[in-house]
């Protein structure tokens, strides 16, 4: 599987978090579509099938990430 460059992953994570913070899922059709596009791109870039797993995988590939750190997982 091809691996996305960490800079690309960082940008995608930041975009998704910004859209989520702005409640894009409840916004205009364009905002919802942008959020869906970023989520899809994150999933493809990380080889995952859902956004939560994609965010975890992307964050683990960023510089300074500790692979043994599971603090991003929810119980």
Protein backbone atom coordinates (compact mmCIF):
# COMPACT_ATOMS: atom_id res chain seq x y z
CA UNK A 1 0.00 0.00 0.00
CA UNK A 2 1.22 3.48 -0.78
CA UNK A 3 1.76 5.67 2.25
CA UNK A 4 0.76 9.32 2.26
CA UNK A 5 3.46 11.81 3.19
CA UNK A 6 3.20 12.95 6.84
CA UNK A 7 2.71 16.56 5.71
CA UNK A 8 -0.33 15.51 3.66
CA UNK A 9 -1.76 13.54 6.58
CA UNK A 10 -1.19 16.46 8.95
CA UNK A 11 -3.04 18.79 6.59
CA UNK A 12 -5.95 16.38 6.19
CA UNK A 13 -6.27 15.84 9.94
CA UNK A 14 -6.23 19.60 10.53
CA UNK A 15 -8.87 20.15 7.83
CA UNK A 16 -11.12 17.46 9.26
CA UNK A 17 -10.77 18.72 12.83
CA UNK A 18 -11.52 22.28 11.71
CA UNK A 19 -14.61 21.19 9.81
CA UNK A 20 -15.77 19.13 12.78
CA UNK A 21 -15.18 22.03 15.18
CA UNK A 22 -17.29 24.24 12.92
CA UNK A 23 -20.04 21.57 12.89
CA UNK A 24 -19.81 21.23 9.12
CA UNK A 25 -21.91 18.06 9.29
CA UNK A 26 -24.86 20.30 10.26
CA UNK A 27 -24.02 23.07 7.81
CA UNK A 28 -24.60 23.70 4.14
CA UNK A 29 -24.50 20.97 1.53
CA UNK A 30 -21.09 22.27 0.44
CA UNK A 31 -19.70 22.10 3.98
CA UNK A 32 -21.02 18.56 4.47
CA UNK A 33 -19.57 17.50 1.12
CA UNK A 34 -16.16 19.00 1.99
CA UNK A 35 -16.16 17.13 5.30
CA UNK A 36 -17.12 13.88 3.54
CA UNK A 37 -14.39 14.43 0.94
CA UNK A 38 -11.72 15.01 3.58
CA UNK A 39 -12.91 11.97 5.56
CA UNK A 40 -12.83 9.81 2.43
CA UNK A 41 -9.34 11.03 1.52
CA UNK A 42 -8.11 10.29 5.04
CA UNK A 43 -9.54 6.77 4.86
CA UNK A 44 -7.94 6.10 1.48
CA UNK A 45 -4.64 7.62 2.60
CA UNK A 46 -4.48 5.44 5.70
CA UNK A 47 -6.02 2.24 4.32
CA UNK A 48 -8.93 2.35 6.76
CA UNK A 49 -12.70 2.23 6.36
CA UNK A 50 -13.98 4.73 8.94
CA UNK A 51 -12.94 8.19 9.97
CA UNK A 52 -12.11 7.35 13.58
CA UNK A 53 -9.65 4.66 12.50
CA UNK A 54 -8.28 6.96 9.81
CA UNK A 55 -7.61 9.74 12.31
CA UNK A 56 -5.82 7.35 14.66
CA UNK A 57 -3.75 5.87 11.84
CA UNK A 58 -2.85 9.30 10.47
CA UNK A 59 -1.85 10.64 13.87
CA UNK A 60 0.37 7.61 14.45
CA UNK A 61 2.25 8.38 11.24
CA UNK A 62 2.92 12.01 12.14
CA UNK A 63 6.37 13.02 13.37
CA UNK A 64 6.67 12.60 17.13
CA UNK A 65 3.89 10.03 17.38
CA UNK A 66 4.50 7.14 19.72
CA UNK A 67 3.18 3.88 18.31
CA UNK A 68 2.54 2.52 21.79
CA UNK A 69 0.34 5.53 22.65
CA UNK A 70 -3.29 4.42 22.53
CA UNK A 71 -4.70 7.53 24.20
CA UNK A 72 -6.65 8.30 21.03
CA UNK A 73 -8.67 5.12 21.36
CA UNK A 74 -11.96 5.38 23.18
CA UNK A 75 -13.22 2.73 25.53
